[in-house]
Protein backbone atom coordinates (compact mmCIF):
# COMPACT_ATOMS: atom_id res chain seq x y z
CA MET A 1 92.12 43.47 3.91
CA THR A 2 92.82 45.53 1.58
CA SER A 3 94.26 48.50 3.63
CA LEU A 4 96.61 46.14 5.84
CA ALA A 5 97.64 45.14 1.73
CA LEU A 6 97.97 48.52 0.79
CA THR A 7 100.05 49.78 3.98
CA ALA A 8 102.31 46.58 3.58
CA ARG A 9 102.95 47.40 0.03
CA ALA A 10 103.79 50.87 0.63
CA PRO A 11 107.32 50.83 2.00
CA LEU A 12 108.50 48.13 -0.41
CA ALA A 13 106.93 51.00 -2.79
CA ARG A 14 109.05 53.64 -1.72
CA ARG A 15 112.11 51.17 -1.21
CA PRO A 16 115.49 52.64 -2.32
CA PHE A 17 117.23 51.77 -5.79
CA PHE A 18 120.19 50.66 -4.79
CA PRO A 19 119.35 47.78 -2.78
CA LEU A 20 117.22 47.02 -6.37
CA VAL A 21 120.78 47.57 -7.62
CA ARG A 22 122.52 45.25 -5.84
CA ALA A 23 119.77 42.59 -5.99
CA ASP A 24 120.51 42.06 -9.85
CA LEU A 25 124.19 42.55 -9.54
CA LEU A 26 123.73 39.43 -6.81
CA LYS A 27 121.89 37.35 -9.41
CA LEU A 28 123.95 37.74 -12.46
CA ARG A 29 126.79 36.67 -10.00
CA LYS A 30 125.43 34.01 -8.98
CA ASN A 31 124.75 32.44 -12.41
CA ARG A 32 128.43 31.14 -12.96
CA GLY A 33 127.83 30.24 -15.94
CA ILE A 34 127.61 33.58 -17.21
CA VAL A 35 130.52 35.44 -15.26
CA PHE A 36 132.92 32.17 -16.19
CA THR A 37 131.43 32.48 -20.13
CA ALA A 38 131.82 36.40 -19.68
CA ALA A 39 135.41 36.20 -17.92
CA ALA A 40 136.50 33.93 -20.64
CA LEU A 41 135.51 36.11 -23.46
CA THR A 42 136.98 39.27 -21.96
CA VAL A 43 139.63 38.35 -19.92
CA GLY A 44 140.42 35.15 -21.36
CA THR A 45 140.48 36.47 -24.81
CA MET A 46 143.14 39.10 -24.17
CA ILE A 47 144.88 36.44 -22.13
CA VAL A 48 145.06 33.98 -24.92
CA ALA A 49 145.56 36.19 -27.52
CA PHE A 50 148.71 37.98 -26.10
CA THR A 51 150.25 34.40 -25.36
CA VAL A 52 149.78 32.91 -27.94
CA LEU A 53 150.94 35.89 -30.18
CA GLU A 54 154.27 36.35 -27.73
CA ILE A 55 155.27 32.81 -28.11
CA MET A 56 155.28 32.94 -31.96
CA HIS A 57 157.19 35.87 -31.75
CA VAL A 58 160.02 33.88 -29.69
CA VAL A 59 159.61 30.78 -31.55
CA ASN A 60 160.33 32.50 -35.06
CA PRO A 61 161.33 36.03 -34.59
CA ALA A 62 162.21 36.40 -38.46
CA HIS A 63 158.03 36.17 -39.46
CA HIS A 64 156.35 36.96 -36.41
CA GLY A 65 157.08 40.56 -35.01
CA PRO A 66 156.58 41.64 -31.25
CA ALA A 67 153.33 41.07 -29.64
CA GLY A 68 152.99 44.75 -28.47
CA GLY A 69 153.12 47.95 -30.06
CA VAL A 70 150.25 50.12 -31.97
CA ASN A 71 148.54 48.05 -34.67
CA SER A 72 148.46 45.44 -32.18
CA LEU A 73 146.81 47.86 -29.48
CA ALA A 74 144.19 47.98 -32.88
CA ASP A 75 143.55 44.67 -33.58
CA SER A 76 143.20 42.98 -30.24
CA ALA A 77 140.44 46.36 -29.36
CA THR A 78 138.85 45.10 -32.59
CA ALA A 79 138.56 41.84 -31.14
CA LEU A 80 137.99 42.73 -27.83
CA ALA A 81 134.91 44.72 -28.81
CA MET A 82 133.54 42.44 -30.67
CA ILE A 83 133.94 39.37 -28.70
CA GLY A 84 133.07 41.12 -25.86
CA SER A 85 129.68 42.02 -27.50
CA VAL A 86 128.70 38.82 -27.28
CA ALA A 87 129.83 38.73 -23.30
CA ALA A 88 127.22 41.83 -23.35
CA VAL A 89 124.50 40.24 -24.87
CA LEU A 90 124.69 37.28 -22.77
CA ILE A 91 124.73 39.49 -19.70
CA GLY A 92 122.02 41.97 -20.71
CA ALA A 93 119.89 38.98 -22.04
CA ALA A 94 119.86 37.32 -18.38
CA ALA A 95 119.28 41.05 -16.65
CA GLY A 96 116.28 41.88 -19.24
CA ALA A 97 114.73 37.99 -19.13
CA GLY A 98 115.64 36.35 -15.73
CA ASP A 99 113.10 36.99 -13.69
CA LEU A 100 110.92 36.17 -16.55
CA GLY A 101 112.45 32.83 -16.86
CA SER A 102 112.50 32.02 -13.10
CA GLY A 103 108.86 33.34 -11.80
CA VAL A 104 110.37 35.68 -9.97
CA PHE A 105 108.44 38.73 -11.82
CA ARG A 106 105.86 38.31 -11.30
CA GLU A 107 106.82 38.07 -7.11
CA LEU A 108 108.37 41.29 -7.61
CA VAL A 109 105.25 42.98 -8.92
CA VAL A 110 102.98 41.47 -6.26
CA THR A 111 105.12 43.31 -3.42
CA GLY A 112 104.34 46.24 -4.86
CA ARG A 113 107.95 47.51 -6.25
CA SER A 114 107.67 50.12 -8.78
CA ARG A 115 108.22 48.42 -12.48
CA LEU A 116 110.33 51.08 -13.76
CA ALA A 117 112.57 51.05 -11.04
CA LEU A 118 112.98 47.35 -11.38
CA PHE A 119 113.88 47.95 -14.83
CA ALA A 120 115.96 50.83 -14.06
CA ALA A 121 117.65 48.84 -11.75
CA ARG A 122 118.63 46.12 -14.08
CA ILE A 123 121.08 48.59 -15.99
CA PRO A 124 123.40 49.68 -13.13
CA GLY A 125 123.05 46.09 -11.98
CA GLY A 126 123.92 44.12 -15.47
CA LEU A 127 126.94 46.86 -16.04
CA GLY A 128 128.08 46.11 -12.14
CA LEU A 129 129.14 42.88 -13.71
CA LEU A 130 130.09 43.58 -16.94
CA VAL A 131 132.62 46.62 -16.64
CA PRO A 132 135.25 45.13 -14.39
CA LEU A 133 135.18 42.11 -17.11
CA VAL A 134 135.79 44.55 -19.74
CA ALA A 135 138.37 46.45 -17.71
CA VAL A 136 140.77 44.39 -16.58
CA ALA A 137 140.77 43.10 -20.49
CA VAL A 138 141.51 46.38 -21.56
CA GLY A 139 144.67 46.80 -18.81
CA ILE A 140 145.78 43.78 -20.04
CA GLU A 141 145.62 44.72 -23.71
CA ALA A 142 147.37 48.34 -22.49
CA ALA A 143 150.52 46.33 -20.61
CA ALA A 144 150.98 43.62 -23.14
CA THR A 145 151.15 46.38 -25.81
CA VAL A 146 153.21 48.22 -24.13
CA GLY A 147 155.77 46.20 -22.51
CA LEU A 148 155.60 43.24 -25.64
CA ALA A 149 155.93 46.40 -28.41
CA GLY A 150 159.91 45.63 -28.57
CA SER A 151 161.16 47.60 -31.24
CA LEU A 152 158.01 48.67 -32.50
CA ALA A 153 156.25 52.07 -31.93
CA VAL A 154 154.73 51.87 -28.41
CA PRO A 155 151.10 53.29 -27.74
CA SER A 156 151.14 56.76 -26.12
CA ILE A 157 148.95 57.07 -23.03
CA ALA A 158 146.15 58.86 -24.61
CA LEU A 159 146.25 56.75 -27.46
CA LEU A 160 145.77 53.60 -24.85
CA ALA A 161 142.97 55.50 -22.78
CA LYS A 162 140.85 56.33 -25.90
CA THR A 163 141.32 52.73 -27.36
CA GLY A 164 140.06 51.58 -23.52
CA LEU A 165 136.76 53.96 -23.55
CA TRP A 166 135.70 53.00 -27.13
CA VAL A 167 135.87 49.30 -26.34
CA LEU A 168 134.18 49.81 -22.58
CA ALA A 169 131.39 52.30 -24.86
CA ASP A 170 131.21 49.50 -27.32
CA ILE A 171 130.57 46.55 -25.35
CA ALA A 172 128.59 48.60 -23.25
CA PHE A 173 125.78 49.97 -26.12
CA TYR A 174 124.98 46.09 -26.82
CA PHE A 175 124.28 45.43 -22.98
CA VAL A 176 121.88 48.52 -23.31
CA VAL A 177 120.27 47.06 -26.48
CA ALA A 178 120.52 43.41 -25.42
CA LEU A 179 118.37 44.30 -21.75
CA GLY A 180 115.56 46.06 -23.64
CA LEU A 181 115.15 43.38 -26.37
CA ALA A 182 114.95 41.05 -23.66
CA SER A 183 112.55 42.64 -21.49
CA VAL A 184 110.55 43.20 -24.41
CA LEU A 185 110.91 39.82 -25.94
CA GLY A 186 110.73 38.09 -22.30
CA SER A 187 113.21 35.98 -23.89
CA ARG A 188 116.98 34.76 -23.15
CA VAL A 189 117.78 32.96 -26.11
CA GLN A 190 115.64 34.95 -29.12
CA THR A 191 117.43 37.76 -27.87
CA ILE A 192 121.11 35.84 -27.70
CA ALA A 193 120.69 34.83 -31.12
CA ILE A 194 119.35 37.75 -32.93
CA LEU A 195 121.36 39.89 -31.62
CA LEU A 196 124.68 37.87 -32.05
CA ALA A 197 122.86 36.88 -36.03
CA PHE A 198 123.41 40.90 -36.04
CA ARG A 199 126.35 41.74 -34.77
CA LEU A 200 128.75 39.34 -36.14
CA ALA A 201 127.06 38.25 -39.08
CA VAL A 202 124.26 40.96 -40.46
CA THR A 203 126.63 44.33 -39.22
CA PRO A 204 129.49 43.41 -41.86
CA ILE A 205 127.52 42.52 -44.56
CA LEU A 206 125.85 45.34 -44.74
CA LEU A 207 128.50 47.32 -44.52
CA SER A 208 130.44 46.05 -46.94
CA PHE A 209 127.35 47.10 -49.38
CA SER A 210 128.45 50.10 -50.98
CA VAL A 211 124.90 50.36 -52.72
CA LEU A 212 122.90 51.15 -49.25
CA GLY A 213 124.61 54.58 -49.32
CA VAL A 214 123.83 56.82 -46.25
CA GLY A 215 121.51 53.99 -45.20
CA ARG A 216 124.46 52.09 -43.77
CA ASP A 217 124.59 55.59 -41.22
CA VAL A 218 121.65 53.77 -38.84
CA LEU A 219 124.35 50.70 -38.12
CA PRO A 220 125.68 51.32 -34.98
CA GLN A 221 129.06 49.78 -36.12
CA ALA A 222 129.17 52.41 -38.42
CA ALA A 223 129.16 54.43 -35.94
CA PHE A 224 131.87 52.76 -33.71
CA GLU A 225 133.96 52.89 -36.46
CA GLN A 226 133.61 56.83 -37.08
CA LEU A 227 134.38 57.28 -33.21
CA ALA A 228 137.27 55.35 -33.02
CA PRO A 229 140.45 56.67 -31.63
CA GLY A 230 142.66 58.11 -34.89
CA GLY A 231 145.80 55.94 -33.69
CA ILE A 232 143.35 52.82 -34.39
CA ALA A 233 140.59 53.93 -36.64
CA GLY A 234 141.94 52.48 -39.75
CA SER A 235 142.56 49.01 -38.88
CA VAL A 236 138.86 48.93 -36.98
CA ASN A 237 136.66 48.52 -40.41
CA GLN A 238 134.81 45.74 -40.58
CA GLY A 239 133.28 46.32 -44.35
CA GLY A 240 133.69 48.96 -46.85
CA ALA A 241 134.04 52.68 -45.19
CA VAL A 242 131.36 54.58 -44.16
CA SER A 243 131.72 58.19 -44.24
CA MET A 244 129.79 60.15 -41.38
CA SER A 245 130.60 63.06 -38.91
CA SER A 246 131.24 62.43 -35.52
CA GLY A 247 128.17 64.10 -34.27
CA THR A 248 126.12 62.27 -36.42
CA ALA A 249 127.28 58.60 -35.24
CA VAL A 250 126.71 59.82 -31.25
CA VAL A 251 123.60 60.51 -32.30
CA VAL A 252 122.73 57.24 -33.91
CA LEU A 253 124.31 55.55 -31.25
CA LEU A 254 121.86 57.52 -28.68
CA ALA A 255 118.63 56.79 -30.66
CA TRP A 256 119.24 52.80 -30.23
CA VAL A 257 120.15 53.18 -26.72
CA ALA A 258 117.23 55.44 -26.15
CA VAL A 259 114.91 53.23 -28.32
CA ALA A 260 115.99 50.18 -26.34
CA LEU A 261 115.62 51.25 -22.95
CA VAL A 262 112.23 52.88 -24.27
CA LEU A 263 110.70 50.18 -24.99
CA GLY A 264 112.46 47.56 -22.25
CA ALA A 265 110.93 49.88 -19.79
CA TRP A 266 107.42 50.44 -22.01
CA ARG A 267 107.21 46.51 -21.58
CA THR A 268 108.38 45.64 -18.04
CA ALA A 269 105.33 48.40 -17.64
CA THR A 270 103.25 47.15 -18.90
CA ARG A 271 103.71 43.07 -19.02
CA ASP A 272 100.90 40.99 -17.20
CA ALA A 273 102.75 39.75 -14.31
């Protein structure tokens, strides 16, 4: 029996990586609640925001300027990065703890699949759902800030591209952190609660405390503010300005990502099935 079991498990253990990625992506797509919520928080946010701004401008142009322009790009990018990070946390928490919550993790382990491969597949699987939504939202933002600029300065193609990449990096970062934390805790609810509180409440408060000095450099949002494109950099600060080099900012973000992935992979590999 033992030899037959090992023989049966061997092909599964050597199963190619991409089918695991497709399976994780499919599981997330089939969760319509997460898909609709993530779409509303990214694509929906940009549609509603620019629609409201344009209506206000049309109804009362004397008090409300055009909906587009460089300043609007800065404001919308900041809003999209913040609200989009909520979508990222929801998807990351589902990807990291979904199998445990549904009881599928035990079945996957019993079949002989590599635990590290199971964890690694969740990264492109989750990003496969998140990135297209953010890309569409960024596209709407770019089209609106250019097409609805009116008499205001129109953002350049270079600024639009840099801003889009900055927003995508910010949102993807919180997906990775959520994935790692959910894999460690094994709970979607706890992961969502911790990271949303950290992102939306704790971080802005800590950034506003100048007494913390260089201690604020370890906060991810301080690093992202430092890396913001020049055309919008002055409009993305959530609290007091934090001075750090771009190199330090990159190191801080990479350290957060590395810790999240290492802890998530370690817990997945050692967790009791």
